[in-house]
Structures are given as C-alpha cells and as structure tokens.
Amino acid sequence: TAGQVSDYIGARALLSSLPNVDWLLGDRGYDADWFRDALKDKGIRPCIPGRKQRKTPVKYDQRRYKRRNRIEIMFGRLKDWRRVATRYDRCPKVFLSAIALAAIVIYWL
C-alpha cells in the first residue's frame, strides 16, 4: 500500500489469495482482530505484534518476528534498482522479469 494508506486495505484485498502457509509475518500495521481471525480460519498462524494502544497484549513468536528483517532487507536491495523502485514497466510480466533479473544479480553475483 502507499505510505498514507492503512495496511488494512491491502490485507483485506489480498486475504482471499493467500497461499497455504503455516505462518504470516507482519508488522504492527496489520494488527487487527478481524485479520487475525481470518488468518486462523485459513489455518495460518499470525506472527504480528500488537499495537502499543492495545489494552490486552497479544502473544506472538518473538524469535520468528525478529527474522522478519531479512525480508525487509531483500526489498531494500531490490529498490536500489531504479527500474524496480519506480516501476517503469507497466506490463506485469516485464516487471516480474526485471525483479528476477535484479534478484539474480544481487544474490548470485
């Protein structure tokens, strides 16, 4: 989602297309009871810390959550590629190809 848009909007849009996974790692922006319930209904265990304003604390796997930074680092490296960051390619296939090429160069070379 864009910076000024709540993460709930993106979560609601992608909820029906989530693959079969064991865990979903997310930041505090995805902390909502309806989202946690929807994930549990799909058999996915949420690893999302609670917001600071939450009155009752939420349990989550802290060790697993700390490893989430690997995903953030990967997206940061991909955004170093101007073509990927600004999304010059409007065709989804060409954009995915640019991401694949950038990932190969970043992690293989």
C-alpha atoms as a PDB file:
ATOM      1  CA  THR A   1       0.000   0.000   0.000  1.00  0.00           C
ATOM      2  CA  ALA A   2       1.027   3.610  -0.348  1.00  0.00           C
ATOM      3  CA  GLY A   3       2.536   5.389   2.631  1.00  0.00           C
ATOM      4  CA  GLN A   4      -0.609   7.304   3.536  1.00  0.00           C
ATOM      5  CA  VAL A   5      -2.945   4.296   3.160  1.00  0.00           C
ATOM      6  CA  SER A   6      -3.675   1.938   6.032  1.00  0.00           C
ATOM      7  CA  ASP A   7      -2.228  -1.573   5.798  1.00  0.00           C
ATOM      8  CA  TYR A   8      -5.700  -2.988   6.497  1.00  0.00           C
ATOM      9  CA  ILE A   9      -6.815  -2.107   2.967  1.00  0.00           C
ATOM     10  CA  GLY A  10      -4.030  -4.131   1.393  1.00  0.00           C
ATOM     11  CA  ALA A  11      -4.561  -7.012   3.814  1.00  0.00           C
ATOM     12  CA  ARG A  12      -8.263  -7.202   3.059  1.00  0.00           C
ATOM     13  CA  ALA A  13      -7.610  -7.203  -0.695  1.00  0.00           C
ATOM     14  CA  LEU A  14      -5.020  -9.989  -0.532  1.00  0.00           C
ATOM     15  CA  LEU A  15      -6.681 -12.187   2.069  1.00  0.00           C
ATOM     16  CA  SER A  16      -8.555 -14.382  -0.392  1.00  0.00           C
ATOM     17  CA  SER A  17      -5.449 -15.067  -2.493  1.00  0.00           C
ATOM     18  CA  LEU A  18      -3.067 -16.081   0.303  1.00  0.00           C
ATOM     19  CA  PRO A  19      -1.286 -19.386  -0.370  1.00  0.00           C
ATOM     20  CA  ASN A  20      -1.334 -22.308   2.054  1.00  0.00           C
ATOM     21  CA  VAL A  21       1.392 -21.398   4.543  1.00  0.00           C
ATOM     22  CA  ASP A  22       2.000 -22.082   8.216  1.00  0.00           C
ATOM     23  CA  TRP A  23       2.908 -18.566   9.350  1.00  0.00           C
ATOM     24  CA  LEU A  24       2.278 -14.978   8.261  1.00  0.00           C
ATOM     25  CA  LEU A  25       4.833 -12.421   9.446  1.00  0.00           C
ATOM     26  CA  GLY A  26       3.597  -8.863   9.605  1.00  0.00           C
ATOM     27  CA  ASP A  27       4.360  -5.627  11.375  1.00  0.00           C
ATOM     28  CA  ARG A  28       2.149  -3.714  13.789  1.00  0.00           C
ATOM     29  CA  GLY A  29       0.234  -2.128  10.915  1.00  0.00           C
ATOM     30  CA  TYR A  30      -1.549  -5.447  10.356  1.00  0.00           C
ATOM     31  CA  ASP A  31      -2.662  -5.828  13.969  1.00  0.00           C
ATOM     32  CA  ALA A  32      -6.431  -6.207  13.834  1.00  0.00           C
ATOM     33  CA  ASP A  33      -8.668  -8.792  15.448  1.00  0.00           C
ATOM     34  CA  TRP A  34     -10.618  -9.400  12.231  1.00  0.00           C
ATOM     35  CA  PHE A  35      -7.372 -10.047  10.337  1.00  0.00           C
ATOM     36  CA  ARG A  36      -6.090 -12.469  12.971  1.00  0.00           C
ATOM     37  CA  ASP A  37      -9.417 -14.319  12.954  1.00  0.00           C
ATOM     38  CA  ALA A  38      -9.431 -14.535   9.152  1.00  0.00           C
ATOM     39  CA  LEU A  39      -5.906 -15.956   9.167  1.00  0.00           C
ATOM     40  CA  LYS A  40      -6.822 -18.544  11.790  1.00  0.00           C
ATOM     41  CA  ASP A  41      -9.857 -19.561   9.724  1.00  0.00           C
ATOM     42  CA  LYS A  42      -7.485 -20.265   6.815  1.00  0.00           C
ATOM     43  CA  GLY A  43      -5.160 -22.284   9.094  1.00  0.00           C
ATOM     44  CA  ILE A  44      -2.415 -19.642   9.128  1.00  0.00           C
ATOM     45  CA  ARG A  45      -0.741 -18.681  12.395  1.00  0.00           C
ATOM     46  CA  PRO A  46      -0.193 -14.915  12.631  1.00  0.00           C
ATOM     47  CA  CYS A  47       3.134 -13.594  13.875  1.00  0.00           C
ATOM     48  CA  ILE A  48       2.101  -9.972  14.319  1.00  0.00           C
ATOM     49  CA  PRO A  49       2.942  -7.925  17.404  1.00  0.00           C
ATOM     50  CA  GLY A  50       0.160  -5.900  18.970  1.00  0.00           C
ATOM     51  CA  ARG A  51      -0.127  -2.157  18.620  1.00  0.00           C
ATOM     52  CA  LYS A  52       1.031  -0.086  21.555  1.00  0.00           C
ATOM     53  CA  GLN A  53      -2.512   1.230  22.150  1.00  0.00           C
ATOM     54  CA  ARG A  54      -3.895  -2.316  22.514  1.00  0.00           C
ATOM     55  CA  LYS A  55      -5.297  -2.860  26.005  1.00  0.00           C
ATOM     56  CA  THR A  56      -4.732  -6.628  26.085  1.00  0.00           C
ATOM     57  CA  PRO A  57      -1.318  -7.809  24.868  1.00  0.00           C
ATOM     58  CA  VAL A  58      -1.171 -10.305  22.008  1.00  0.00           C
ATOM     59  CA  LYS A  59       1.095 -13.347  22.048  1.00  0.00           C
ATOM     60  CA  TYR A  60       3.397 -13.840  19.072  1.00  0.00           C
ATOM     61  CA  ASP A  61       6.632 -15.694  18.354  1.00  0.00           C
ATOM     62  CA  GLN A  62       9.272 -13.050  19.056  1.00  0.00           C
ATOM     63  CA  ARG A  63      12.154 -15.124  17.691  1.00  0.00           C
ATOM     64  CA  ARG A  64      10.368 -15.653  14.391  1.00  0.00           C
ATOM     65  CA  TYR A  65       9.365 -11.973  14.220  1.00  0.00           C
ATOM     66  CA  LYS A  66      12.982 -10.830  14.633  1.00  0.00           C
ATOM     67  CA  ARG A  67      13.906 -12.762  11.491  1.00  0.00           C
ATOM     68  CA  ARG A  68      11.414 -10.654   9.511  1.00  0.00           C
ATOM     69  CA  ASN A  69      14.165  -8.113   8.883  1.00  0.00           C
ATOM     70  CA  ARG A  70      15.629 -10.442   6.238  1.00  0.00           C
ATOM     71  CA  ILE A  71      12.552  -9.822   4.114  1.00  0.00           C
ATOM     72  CA  GLU A  72      12.813  -6.048   4.658  1.00  0.00           C
ATOM     73  CA  ILE A  73      16.490  -6.100   3.639  1.00  0.00           C
ATOM     74  CA  MET A  74      15.638  -8.019   0.464  1.00  0.00           C
ATOM     75  CA  PHE A  75      13.024  -5.433  -0.556  1.00  0.00           C
ATOM     76  CA  GLY A  76      15.502  -2.653   0.228  1.00  0.00           C
ATOM     77  CA  ARG A  77      18.091  -4.192  -2.074  1.00  0.00           C
ATOM     78  CA  LEU A  78      15.560  -4.616  -4.853  1.00  0.00           C
ATOM     79  CA  LYS A  79      14.571  -0.957  -4.530  1.00  0.00           C
ATOM     80  CA  ASP A  80      18.187   0.036  -5.153  1.00  0.00           C
ATOM     81  CA  TRP A  81      17.411  -0.831  -8.765  1.00  0.00           C
ATOM     82  CA  ARG A  82      15.766   2.265 -10.169  1.00  0.00           C
ATOM     83  CA  ARG A  83      13.748   0.325 -12.731  1.00  0.00           C
ATOM     84  CA  VAL A  84      12.142  -1.764  -9.959  1.00  0.00           C
ATOM     85  CA  ALA A  85      11.683   1.101  -7.482  1.00  0.00           C
ATOM     86  CA  THR A  86       9.927   3.419  -9.918  1.00  0.00           C
ATOM     87  CA  ARG A  87       8.190   0.616 -11.843  1.00  0.00           C
ATOM     88  CA  TYR A  88       8.936   1.824 -15.348  1.00  0.00           C
ATOM     89  CA  ASP A  89       7.411  -1.345 -16.788  1.00  0.00           C
ATOM     90  CA  ARG A  90       3.610  -1.319 -16.789  1.00  0.00           C
ATOM     91  CA  CYS A  91       3.261  -4.866 -18.052  1.00  0.00           C
ATOM     92  CA  PRO A  92       3.287  -7.276 -15.076  1.00  0.00           C
ATOM     93  CA  LYS A  93       5.345  -9.913 -16.927  1.00  0.00           C
ATOM     94  CA  VAL A  94       8.078  -7.437 -17.836  1.00  0.00           C
ATOM     95  CA  PHE A  95       8.086  -6.032 -14.283  1.00  0.00           C
ATOM     96  CA  LEU A  96       8.441  -9.542 -12.808  1.00  0.00           C
ATOM     97  CA  SER A  97      11.278 -10.182 -15.252  1.00  0.00           C
ATOM     98  CA  ALA A  98      13.042  -7.030 -14.048  1.00  0.00           C
ATOM     99  CA  ILE A  99      12.658  -8.187 -10.443  1.00  0.00           C
ATOM    100  CA  ALA A 100      14.024 -11.637 -11.326  1.00  0.00           C
ATOM    101  CA  LEU A 101      16.999 -10.119 -13.127  1.00  0.00           C
ATOM    102  CA  ALA A 102      17.741  -7.785 -10.212  1.00  0.00           C
ATOM    103  CA  ALA A 103      17.493 -10.691  -7.725  1.00  0.00           C
ATOM    104  CA  ILE A 104      19.878 -12.797  -9.788  1.00  0.00           C
ATOM    105  CA  VAL A 105      22.447 -10.011  -9.955  1.00  0.00           C
ATOM    106  CA  ILE A 106      22.099  -9.124  -6.271  1.00  0.00           C
ATOM    107  CA  TYR A 107      22.220 -12.604  -4.789  1.00  0.00           C
ATOM    108  CA  TRP A 108      24.215 -14.591  -7.291  1.00  0.00           C
ATOM    109  CA  LEU A 109      26.987 -12.285  -8.390  1.00  0.00           C
END
